[in-house]
């Protein structure tokens, strides 16, 4: 493709020489017929087309052809423009002399005053020109870089001999004279390294253990697909405030262009994770007594609400009101945002989840690690009961399809219940066994479909080998 582009430039050269040859032929044929004025016009046309053909050929020979192989260097576009301008200037001086009779050579070589006037009038232009050359030679910025210059932040769209053009996050096009880059400070977020740190500051109360806060924040970072695993995310305690400990989450990204989205995603995830783990950003210390009173009042209302919802769960229907009350004492409500992972297949777990609001996708992973959708559970559904009652690893993965409010049931609430009512374990085991069997049948169905695909691939490969053997083709 590159060769075709190079030779394509010669079409204009050939066309100009062809036109010049045609004019010359007409001139020679009509030399005895045309008046002197007509001969002068044709002669001027011949000089014009021939000069332009020579100009474009020289430009192709010393600019287009050799520099096209050096496109990866950022200075090449500017160098091509600079050399082309010199060639065009020489051609213009020559044509003015040949066609109009104006000779600018003595004026350019002997007039120091004129030279000074031109230099002064083009001072800013020349400064931008040489700054543009410096920018491209030193690789300060280049097309595609994310930079901050003179209070403007955006992606470099082009670097010309006069301006550097940015596209901001607001989708605005900004033209910056190159001298601004030479005189000011340039922050390049792409070169020489595209890695960039994103920092999120949060504050939590003194009663929250710092290591627990650190684990929650690191888990949030690890679940964000845009955050790099290497370098690893970090959490720092940066200050002890009047009513809170200030933490800073530092993560690495490889594309500065998505920094606003990543910051937003991390803030979303932090809110949901803090709610699930009962971590709250504290109010000013002067409201602490009112806050504690309100907290106790809300906890009583919350437990009664949880009891009402637990009575709706199928496999808990054998429990009476007293047993439901014991179970609810160890239950809590957790919030999950859309696309958040609740748990993964083969993870250890001891809790069951009841969907108060929202929707949850159940995903099953095969032996190759490919996840397949199994079902979507809506309001009133539940999942994770096998791990709750047996402590076994999760048999599938659960992902929030939308913002969801879940009641999490803890196994500690069942100790006294089973101790006082052993027959209850048998009834619960029958209900859970039916659910487990249904999931296992789904697993086998998914595996059967995968095995069919694998068998088809194996059969195709075997048949291909037999065909090659029959035709003696290696």
Protein backbone atom coordinates (compact mmCIF):
# COMPACT_ATOMS: atom_id res chain seq x y z
CA UNK A 1 0.00 0.00 0.00
CA UNK A 2 2.84 2.36 0.82
CA UNK A 3 4.46 1.76 -2.59
CA UNK A 4 1.20 2.54 -4.34
CA UNK A 5 0.91 5.81 -2.42
CA UNK A 6 4.49 6.76 -3.33
CA UNK A 7 4.04 6.14 -7.06
CA UNK A 8 0.65 7.80 -7.00
CA UNK A 9 2.36 11.14 -6.39
CA UNK A 10 4.02 10.86 -9.82
CA UNK A 11 0.67 11.01 -11.65
CA UNK A 12 0.59 14.81 -11.30
CA UNK A 13 4.21 15.03 -12.56
CA UNK A 14 3.43 12.94 -15.64
CA UNK A 15 0.27 14.96 -16.31
CA UNK A 16 2.15 18.28 -16.13
CA UNK A 17 4.91 17.08 -18.46
CA UNK A 18 2.28 15.74 -20.86
CA UNK A 19 0.49 19.10 -20.93
CA UNK A 20 3.84 20.89 -21.42
CA UNK A 21 4.70 18.55 -24.33
CA UNK A 22 1.28 19.15 -25.91
CA UNK A 23 1.74 22.93 -25.63
CA UNK A 24 5.23 22.63 -27.16
CA UNK A 25 3.89 20.61 -30.10
CA UNK A 26 1.13 23.16 -30.71
CA UNK A 27 3.71 25.93 -30.52
CA UNK A 28 6.01 24.26 -33.09
CA UNK A 29 3.17 23.45 -35.47
CA UNK A 30 1.62 26.93 -35.24
CA UNK A 31 4.86 28.90 -35.21
CA UNK A 32 4.25 30.40 -38.67
CA UNK A 33 0.51 30.92 -38.12
CA UNK A 34 0.18 32.55 -34.68
CA UNK A 35 0.89 36.21 -34.02
CA UNK A 36 3.80 37.12 -31.70
CA UNK A 37 1.43 37.60 -28.75
CA UNK A 38 -0.01 34.09 -29.18
CA UNK A 39 3.49 32.61 -29.46
CA UNK A 40 4.44 34.40 -26.23
CA UNK A 41 1.39 33.01 -24.43
CA UNK A 42 2.11 29.44 -25.55
CA UNK A 43 5.77 29.82 -24.66
CA UNK A 44 4.78 31.08 -21.19
CA UNK A 45 2.39 28.17 -20.76
CA UNK A 46 5.15 25.72 -21.73
CA UNK A 47 7.53 27.30 -19.17
CA UNK A 48 4.81 27.23 -16.49
CA UNK A 49 3.81 23.58 -16.92
CA UNK A 50 7.41 22.44 -17.36
CA UNK A 51 8.50 24.32 -14.22
CA UNK A 52 5.61 22.91 -12.19
CA UNK A 53 6.40 19.40 -13.44
CA UNK A 54 10.06 19.80 -12.45
CA UNK A 55 9.00 21.26 -9.08
CA UNK A 56 6.68 18.36 -8.24
CA UNK A 57 9.21 15.80 -9.47
CA UNK A 58 11.96 17.28 -7.28
CA UNK A 59 9.51 17.41 -4.36
CA UNK A 60 8.67 13.75 -4.91
CA UNK A 61 12.34 12.83 -5.31
CA UNK A 62 13.68 14.51 -2.16
CA UNK A 63 10.57 14.76 0.05
CA UNK A 64 7.71 12.35 -0.65
CA UNK A 65 9.62 9.20 -1.63
CA UNK A 66 12.44 9.10 0.98
CA UNK A 67 10.48 10.60 3.90
CA UNK A 68 7.53 8.25 3.42
CA UNK A 69 9.71 5.46 4.84
CA UNK A 70 10.33 7.52 7.99
CA UNK A 71 6.72 8.21 8.99
CA UNK A 72 7.23 6.85 12.50
CA UNK A 73 9.40 9.87 13.35
CA UNK A 74 7.29 12.78 14.63
CA UNK A 75 9.38 15.45 12.87
CA UNK A 76 8.71 14.08 9.36
CA UNK A 77 5.39 15.91 8.65
CA UNK A 78 6.91 19.23 9.71
CA UNK A 79 10.11 18.56 7.75
CA UNK A 80 8.09 17.76 4.61
CA UNK A 81 6.16 21.01 4.97
CA UNK A 82 9.32 23.06 5.57
CA UNK A 83 11.20 21.65 2.52
CA UNK A 84 8.10 21.98 0.33
CA UNK A 85 7.75 25.68 1.25
CA UNK A 86 11.40 26.31 0.28
CA UNK A 87 10.86 24.57 -3.09
CA UNK A 88 7.66 26.53 -3.72
CA UNK A 89 9.46 29.79 -2.92
CA UNK A 90 12.30 29.03 -5.33
CA UNK A 91 9.79 28.09 -8.04
CA UNK A 92 7.83 31.31 -7.48
CA UNK A 93 10.99 33.45 -7.80
CA UNK A 94 11.97 31.61 -11.00
CA UNK A 95 8.52 31.93 -12.61
CA UNK A 96 8.26 35.62 -11.75
CA UNK A 97 11.58 36.17 -13.49
CA UNK A 98 10.79 34.08 -16.60
CA UNK A 99 7.13 34.99 -17.11
CA UNK A 100 6.81 38.53 -15.77
CA UNK A 101 10.39 39.72 -15.90
CA UNK A 102 10.63 40.50 -12.18
CA UNK A 103 14.03 39.56 -10.77
CA UNK A 104 13.94 39.31 -6.97
CA UNK A 105 17.48 37.96 -6.59
CA UNK A 106 19.27 41.31 -6.15
CA UNK A 107 16.58 42.45 -3.74
CA UNK A 108 16.93 39.34 -1.59
CA UNK A 109 20.73 39.30 -1.58
CA UNK A 110 21.60 43.00 -1.17
CA UNK A 111 18.86 44.57 0.93
CA UNK A 112 19.76 44.20 4.57
CA UNK A 113 16.96 46.60 5.47
CA UNK A 114 14.37 44.46 3.69
CA UNK A 115 15.73 41.35 5.36
CA UNK A 116 15.41 43.03 8.77
CA UNK A 117 11.85 44.15 8.04
CA UNK A 118 10.84 40.64 6.97
CA UNK A 119 12.51 39.13 10.04
CA UNK A 120 10.71 41.52 12.39
CA UNK A 121 7.33 41.03 10.75
CA UNK A 122 7.69 37.26 10.87
CA UNK A 123 9.13 37.15 14.38
CA UNK A 124 6.19 35.32 15.99
CA UNK A 125 5.77 33.05 12.97
CA UNK A 126 9.46 32.11 12.99
CA UNK A 127 9.33 31.50 16.75
CA UNK A 128 6.37 29.13 16.29
CA UNK A 129 8.16 27.47 13.35
CA UNK A 130 11.38 26.73 15.22
CA UNK A 131 9.44 25.72 18.33
CA UNK A 132 7.50 23.27 16.16
CA UNK A 133 10.78 21.85 14.90
CA UNK A 134 12.03 21.58 18.50
CA UNK A 135 8.83 19.87 19.65
CA UNK A 136 9.06 17.23 16.93
CA UNK A 137 12.83 16.75 17.18
CA UNK A 138 12.85 16.33 20.96
CA UNK A 139 9.62 14.28 20.91
CA UNK A 140 8.07 16.57 23.51
CA UNK A 141 4.55 15.79 22.31
CA UNK A 142 3.18 13.87 19.35
CA UNK A 143 -0.15 13.05 17.79
CA UNK A 144 -2.19 10.83 20.10
CA UNK A 145 -0.51 11.95 23.35
CA UNK A 146 -2.63 13.07 26.32
CA UNK A 147 -1.13 16.31 27.65
CA UNK A 148 -1.77 19.33 29.85
CA UNK A 149 -0.55 22.67 28.46
CA UNK A 150 -1.40 26.20 29.65
CA UNK A 151 -4.30 24.93 31.73
CA UNK A 152 -5.72 22.95 28.80
CA UNK A 153 -5.92 19.18 29.08
CA UNK A 154 -6.61 16.92 26.12
CA UNK A 155 -5.33 14.65 23.37
CA UNK A 156 -2.90 15.96 20.75
CA UNK A 157 -4.59 15.80 17.35
CA UNK A 158 -1.78 17.38 15.32
CA UNK A 159 1.50 19.32 15.60
CA UNK A 160 2.03 21.73 12.70
CA UNK A 161 4.73 24.32 12.00
CA UNK A 162 2.65 26.99 13.77
CA UNK A 163 0.24 25.37 16.26
CA UNK A 164 -0.35 22.32 18.42
CA UNK A 165 -3.99 21.17 18.35
CA UNK A 166 -5.73 19.52 21.29
CA UNK A 167 -9.08 17.76 21.67
CA UNK A 168 -10.25 18.31 25.27
CA UNK A 169 -12.41 16.03 27.43
CA UNK A 170 -15.30 18.35 26.57
CA UNK A 171 -14.79 17.52 22.87
CA UNK A 172 -13.55 21.05 22.17
CA UNK A 173 -10.75 21.74 19.67
CA UNK A 174 -8.02 24.01 21.09
CA UNK A 175 -5.29 25.60 18.95
CA UNK A 176 -2.17 26.46 20.95
CA UNK A 177 0.66 28.50 19.35
CA UNK A 178 3.87 26.48 19.57
CA UNK A 179 5.63 29.26 21.48
CA UNK A 180 3.31 28.55 24.45
CA UNK A 181 4.76 25.04 24.65
CA UNK A 182 8.30 26.45 24.61
CA UNK A 183 7.63 29.07 27.26
CA UNK A 184 5.37 27.06 29.60
CA UNK A 185 5.22 23.70 31.35
CA UNK A 186 4.06 20.61 29.49
CA UNK A 187 2.66 17.53 31.24
CA UNK A 188 2.69 14.47 28.98
CA UNK A 189 0.53 11.62 30.29
CA UNK A 190 1.42 9.27 27.41
CA UNK A 191 5.14 9.59 26.68
CA UNK A 192 7.64 8.25 27.66
CA UNK A 193 5.24 6.03 29.67
CA UNK A 194 1.49 5.63 29.27
CA UNK A 195 1.10 4.41 32.86
CA UNK A 196 -0.70 6.88 35.11
CA UNK A 197 -1.74 6.89 38.76
CA UNK A 198 -5.35 7.55 39.78
CA UNK A 199 -5.91 8.58 43.39
CA UNK A 200 -9.19 8.34 45.32
CA UNK A 201 -9.43 9.90 48.79
CA UNK A 202 -11.97 8.61 51.32
CA UNK A 203 -12.53 9.14 55.05
CA UNK A 204 -13.81 6.61 57.59
CA UNK A 205 -14.44 6.64 61.33
CA UNK A 206 -11.85 5.79 63.98
CA UNK A 207 -13.81 2.68 65.02
CA UNK A 208 -13.10 1.05 61.61
CA UNK A 209 -9.88 -1.06 61.63
CA UNK A 210 -7.49 0.35 58.99
CA UNK A 211 -6.54 -3.11 57.72
CA UNK A 212 -10.22 -3.94 57.12
CA UNK A 213 -10.67 -0.68 55.19
CA UNK A 214 -7.51 -1.46 53.21
CA UNK A 215 -8.80 -4.94 52.26
CA UNK A 216 -12.14 -3.53 51.07
CA UNK A 217 -10.50 -0.84 48.93
CA UNK A 218 -7.99 -3.27 47.40
CA UNK A 219 -10.81 -5.69 46.56
CA UNK A 220 -12.67 -2.87 44.77
CA UNK A 221 -9.55 -2.05 42.74
CA UNK A 222 -8.92 -5.70 41.84
CA UNK A 223 -12.45 -6.09 40.43
CA UNK A 224 -12.17 -3.08 38.10
CA UNK A 225 -11.08 -4.37 34.68
CA UNK A 226 -9.51 -1.03 33.71
CA UNK A 227 -7.16 -1.00 36.71
CA UNK A 228 -3.78 -2.64 36.11
CA UNK A 229 -2.74 -5.62 38.22
CA UNK A 230 0.92 -4.70 37.80
CA UNK A 231 1.87 -2.25 39.27
CA UNK A 232 -0.47 -3.35 42.05
CA UNK A 233 -3.01 -1.00 43.67
CA UNK A 234 -2.02 0.51 47.03
CA UNK A 235 -3.83 1.99 50.02
CA UNK A 236 -2.29 4.59 52.35
CA UNK A 237 -3.38 6.18 55.60
CA UNK A 238 -2.59 9.83 54.82
CA UNK A 239 -3.91 11.70 57.88
CA UNK A 240 -5.87 11.54 61.12
CA UNK A 241 -8.65 14.09 60.85
CA UNK A 242 -10.94 15.57 63.52
CA UNK A 243 -13.64 12.96 63.04
CA UNK A 244 -12.16 10.45 60.56
CA UNK A 245 -9.08 8.68 59.28
CA UNK A 246 -8.20 9.76 55.74
CA UNK A 247 -7.29 7.00 53.29
CA UNK A 248 -5.93 7.19 49.76
CA UNK A 249 -6.45 4.49 47.13
CA UNK A 250 -3.80 4.59 44.39
CA UNK A 251 -4.31 2.55 41.22
CA UNK A 252 -2.52 2.42 37.87
CA UNK A 253 -4.11 2.80 34.44
CA UNK A 254 -2.60 2.59 30.95
CA UNK A 255 -4.90 5.01 29.11
CA UNK A 256 -5.28 8.55 30.42
CA UNK A 257 -8.24 9.09 28.11
CA UNK A 258 -10.51 6.98 30.36
CA UNK A 259 -9.43 8.53 33.68
CA UNK A 260 -12.79 10.27 34.29
CA UNK A 261 -14.74 7.04 33.75
CA UNK A 262 -12.40 5.02 35.96
CA UNK A 263 -12.64 7.56 38.79
CA UNK A 264 -16.42 7.47 38.51
CA UNK A 265 -16.51 3.64 38.47
CA UNK A 266 -14.28 3.46 41.54
CA UNK A 267 -16.47 5.94 43.43
CA UNK A 268 -19.56 3.93 42.53
CA UNK A 269 -17.95 0.69 43.70
CA UNK A 270 -16.69 2.27 46.93
CA UNK A 271 -20.20 3.42 47.84
CA UNK A 272 -21.70 -0.03 47.34
CA UNK A 273 -18.80 -1.83 49.05
CA UNK A 274 -18.97 0.46 52.08
CA UNK A 275 -22.70 -0.17 52.38
CA UNK A 276 -22.20 -3.95 52.21
CA UNK A 277 -19.46 -3.89 54.82
CA UNK A 278 -21.20 -1.39 57.12
CA UNK A 279 -18.45 1.17 56.58
CA UNK A 280 -19.75 4.71 56.74
CA UNK A 281 -18.14 8.07 56.14
CA UNK A 282 -18.67 9.78 59.52
CA UNK A 283 -20.55 12.98 60.15
CA UNK A 284 -18.87 15.76 62.16
CA UNK A 285 -18.11 14.66 65.73
CA UNK A 286 -20.74 17.00 67.23
CA UNK A 287 -23.56 14.82 65.82
CA UNK A 288 -22.23 11.54 67.18
CA UNK A 289 -24.76 11.13 70.05
CA UNK A 290 -27.79 11.76 67.91
CA UNK A 291 -26.34 9.47 65.27
CA UNK A 292 -25.86 6.57 67.74
CA UNK A 293 -29.42 6.86 68.98
CA UNK A 294 -30.79 6.89 65.47
CA UNK A 295 -28.60 3.91 64.55
CA UNK A 296 -30.03 1.75 67.33
CA UNK A 297 -33.56 2.72 66.38
CA UNK A 298 -32.97 1.84 62.72
CA UNK A 299 -31.38 -1.51 63.64
CA UNK A 300 -34.58 -2.62 65.39
CA UNK A 301 -36.70 -1.67 62.39
CA UNK A 302 -34.24 -3.36 60.03
CA UNK A 303 -34.34 -6.68 61.92
CA UNK A 304 -38.14 -6.81 61.80
CA UNK A 305 -38.00 -6.07 58.08
CA UNK A 306 -35.48 -8.89 57.54
CA UNK A 307 -37.70 -11.32 59.50
CA UNK A 308 -40.64 -10.51 57.21
CA UNK A 309 -38.58 -11.27 54.12
CA UNK A 310 -37.02 -14.46 55.55
CA UNK A 311 -40.50 -15.95 55.97
CA UNK A 312 -40.88 -15.78 52.17
CA UNK A 313 -37.88 -18.02 51.43
CA UNK A 314 -38.97 -21.53 50.38
CA UNK A 315 -36.33 -23.52 52.21
CA UNK A 316 -36.90 -21.51 55.44
CA UNK A 317 -40.66 -22.12 55.56
CA UNK A 318 -40.25 -25.08 57.96
CA UNK A 319 -38.94 -22.61 60.60
CA UNK A 320 -41.36 -21.09 63.12
CA UNK A 321 -41.36 -17.43 64.23
CA UNK A 322 -38.91 -17.96 67.09
CA UNK A 323 -36.44 -19.76 64.82
CA UNK A 324 -36.83 -17.08 62.14
CA UNK A 325 -36.04 -14.46 64.79
CA UNK A 326 -32.83 -16.30 65.74
CA UNK A 327 -31.76 -16.55 62.11
CA UNK A 328 -32.53 -12.86 61.42
CA UNK A 329 -30.30 -11.81 64.31
CA UNK A 330 -27.32 -12.89 62.20
CA UNK A 331 -28.66 -11.56 58.88
CA UNK A 332 -27.83 -8.25 57.22
CA UNK A 333 -28.69 -6.27 54.09
CA UNK A 334 -26.03 -5.66 51.43
CA UNK A 335 -26.19 -3.49 48.31
CA UNK A 336 -24.54 -4.48 45.01
CA UNK A 337 -24.15 -2.28 41.94
CA UNK A 338 -24.77 -3.39 38.38
CA UNK A 339 -22.15 -5.91 37.11
CA UNK A 340 -20.59 -6.36 40.55
CA UNK A 341 -19.48 -9.90 41.39
CA UNK A 342 -21.19 -11.25 44.53
CA UNK A 343 -19.13 -14.43 44.61
CA UNK A 344 -17.22 -16.60 42.15
CA UNK A 345 -17.46 -20.28 41.41
CA UNK A 346 -15.23 -22.48 43.65
CA UNK A 347 -14.84 -19.69 46.23
CA UNK A 348 -15.28 -20.59 49.89
CA UNK A 349 -18.53 -19.35 51.37
CA UNK A 350 -20.86 -19.76 54.36
CA UNK A 351 -23.71 -17.42 53.51
CA UNK A 352 -26.95 -17.47 51.53
CA UNK A 353 -28.45 -14.51 49.67
CA UNK A 354 -32.11 -13.54 49.37
CA UNK A 355 -33.02 -10.99 46.69
CA UNK A 356 -35.02 -8.18 48.26
CA UNK A 357 -34.78 -5.95 45.19
CA UNK A 358 -32.97 -6.30 41.86
CA UNK A 359 -31.84 -9.18 39.66
CA UNK A 360 -28.90 -11.61 39.83
CA UNK A 361 -27.30 -13.60 36.99
CA UNK A 362 -26.09 -17.11 37.83
CA UNK A 363 -23.03 -18.07 35.74
CA UNK A 364 -21.46 -21.52 35.35
CA UNK A 365 -17.82 -22.08 34.37
CA UNK A 366 -16.79 -25.19 32.41
CA UNK A 367 -13.50 -27.09 32.54
CA UNK A 368 -11.94 -24.71 29.99
CA UNK A 369 -12.78 -21.67 32.12
CA UNK A 370 -15.57 -20.41 29.83
CA UNK A 371 -18.53 -18.92 31.71
CA UNK A 372 -22.08 -19.60 30.54
CA UNK A 373 -25.28 -17.95 31.68
CA UNK A 374 -27.56 -20.32 33.61
CA UNK A 375 -30.42 -18.24 34.97
CA UNK A 376 -31.50 -14.79 36.15
CA UNK A 377 -33.06 -14.64 39.61
CA UNK A 378 -35.44 -11.81 40.42
CA UNK A 379 -37.05 -10.35 43.51
CA UNK A 380 -37.92 -13.11 45.99
CA UNK A 381 -35.27 -15.51 44.66
CA UNK A 382 -32.40 -16.90 46.69
CA UNK A 383 -29.01 -18.53 46.04
CA UNK A 384 -25.97 -19.86 47.92
CA UNK A 385 -27.98 -22.11 50.27
CA UNK A 386 -25.62 -25.10 49.80
CA UNK A 387 -22.63 -23.15 51.11
CA UNK A 388 -24.76 -21.84 53.99
CA UNK A 389 -25.70 -25.32 55.22
CA UNK A 390 -22.57 -27.32 54.33
CA UNK A 391 -19.74 -24.79 53.99
CA UNK A 392 -18.92 -26.20 50.55
CA UNK A 393 -17.38 -24.12 47.80
CA UNK A 394 -19.66 -22.11 45.57
CA UNK A 395 -21.08 -24.24 42.75
CA UNK A 396 -21.57 -21.24 40.42
CA UNK A 397 -20.85 -17.52 40.16
CA UNK A 398 -23.34 -14.77 40.98
CA UNK A 399 -23.25 -11.33 39.32
CA UNK A 400 -25.61 -8.39 39.89
CA UNK A 401 -27.50 -7.73 36.66
CA UNK A 402 -28.73 -4.42 38.06
CA UNK A 403 -28.50 -2.50 41.33
CA UNK A 404 -29.63 -5.09 43.88
CA UNK A 405 -30.47 -5.17 47.58
CA UNK A 406 -29.73 -8.58 49.13
CA UNK A 407 -30.39 -10.09 52.55
CA UNK A 408 -27.32 -12.10 53.59
CA UNK A 409 -28.02 -15.04 55.93
CA UNK A 410 -25.19 -16.16 58.20
CA UNK A 411 -24.81 -19.82 59.38
CA UNK A 412 -24.40 -18.75 63.02
CA UNK A 413 -28.15 -18.23 63.24
CA UNK A 414 -28.76 -21.93 62.55
CA UNK A 415 -26.63 -23.43 65.34
CA UNK A 416 -29.25 -23.19 68.11
CA UNK A 417 -32.06 -23.87 65.65
CA UNK A 418 -30.61 -27.22 64.52
CA UNK A 419 -29.52 -28.12 68.04
CA UNK A 420 -33.06 -27.75 69.36
CA UNK A 421 -34.78 -29.12 66.27
CA UNK A 422 -32.71 -31.91 64.56
CA UNK A 423 -35.66 -32.91 62.36
CA UNK A 424 -35.50 -29.52 60.71
CA UNK A 425 -32.15 -30.41 59.13
CA UNK A 426 -33.76 -33.31 57.26
CA UNK A 427 -36.55 -31.14 55.86
CA UNK A 428 -34.13 -28.43 54.81
CA UNK A 429 -31.81 -30.99 53.20
CA UNK A 430 -34.65 -32.25 50.97
CA UNK A 431 -35.40 -28.73 49.73
CA UNK A 432 -31.74 -27.87 49.16
CA UNK A 433 -31.05 -31.25 47.49
CA UNK A 434 -33.77 -30.55 44.92
CA UNK A 435 -32.22 -27.17 44.13
CA UNK A 436 -28.74 -28.69 43.94
CA UNK A 437 -29.94 -31.41 41.59
CA UNK A 438 -31.50 -28.79 39.32
CA UNK A 439 -28.19 -26.88 39.16
CA UNK A 440 -26.26 -30.09 38.48
CA UNK A 441 -28.60 -30.96 35.60
CA UNK A 442 -28.02 -27.48 34.18
CA UNK A 443 -24.27 -28.00 34.55
CA UNK A 444 -24.46 -31.29 32.65
CA UNK A 445 -26.58 -29.72 29.93
CA UNK A 446 -24.02 -26.95 29.45
CA UNK A 447 -21.19 -29.47 29.47
CA UNK A 448 -23.03 -31.67 26.94
CA UNK A 449 -23.31 -28.76 24.51
CA UNK A 450 -19.62 -27.99 24.94
CA UNK A 451 -18.71 -31.66 24.46
CA UNK A 452 -20.72 -31.71 21.24
CA UNK A 453 -18.71 -28.79 19.92
CA UNK A 454 -15.45 -30.45 20.97
CA UNK A 455 -16.49 -33.75 19.35
CA UNK A 456 -17.39 -31.90 16.15
CA UNK A 457 -13.98 -30.22 16.08
CA UNK A 458 -12.23 -33.55 16.74
CA UNK A 459 -14.23 -35.28 13.98
CA UNK A 460 -13.44 -32.47 11.55
CA UNK A 461 -9.75 -32.70 12.35
CA UNK A 462 -9.78 -36.48 11.93
CA UNK A 463 -11.58 -36.24 8.57
CA UNK A 464 -9.11 -33.58 7.37
CA UNK A 465 -6.24 -35.92 8.19
CA UNK A 466 -7.84 -38.78 6.26
CA UNK A 467 -8.46 -36.54 3.21
CA UNK A 468 -4.83 -35.39 3.21
CA UNK A 469 -3.69 -39.01 3.53
CA UNK A 470 -5.90 -40.13 0.63
CA UNK A 471 -4.64 -37.38 -1.68
CA UNK A 472 -1.09 -37.75 -0.33
CA UNK A 473 -0.91 -34.11 0.70
CA UNK A 474 1.20 -33.23 3.69
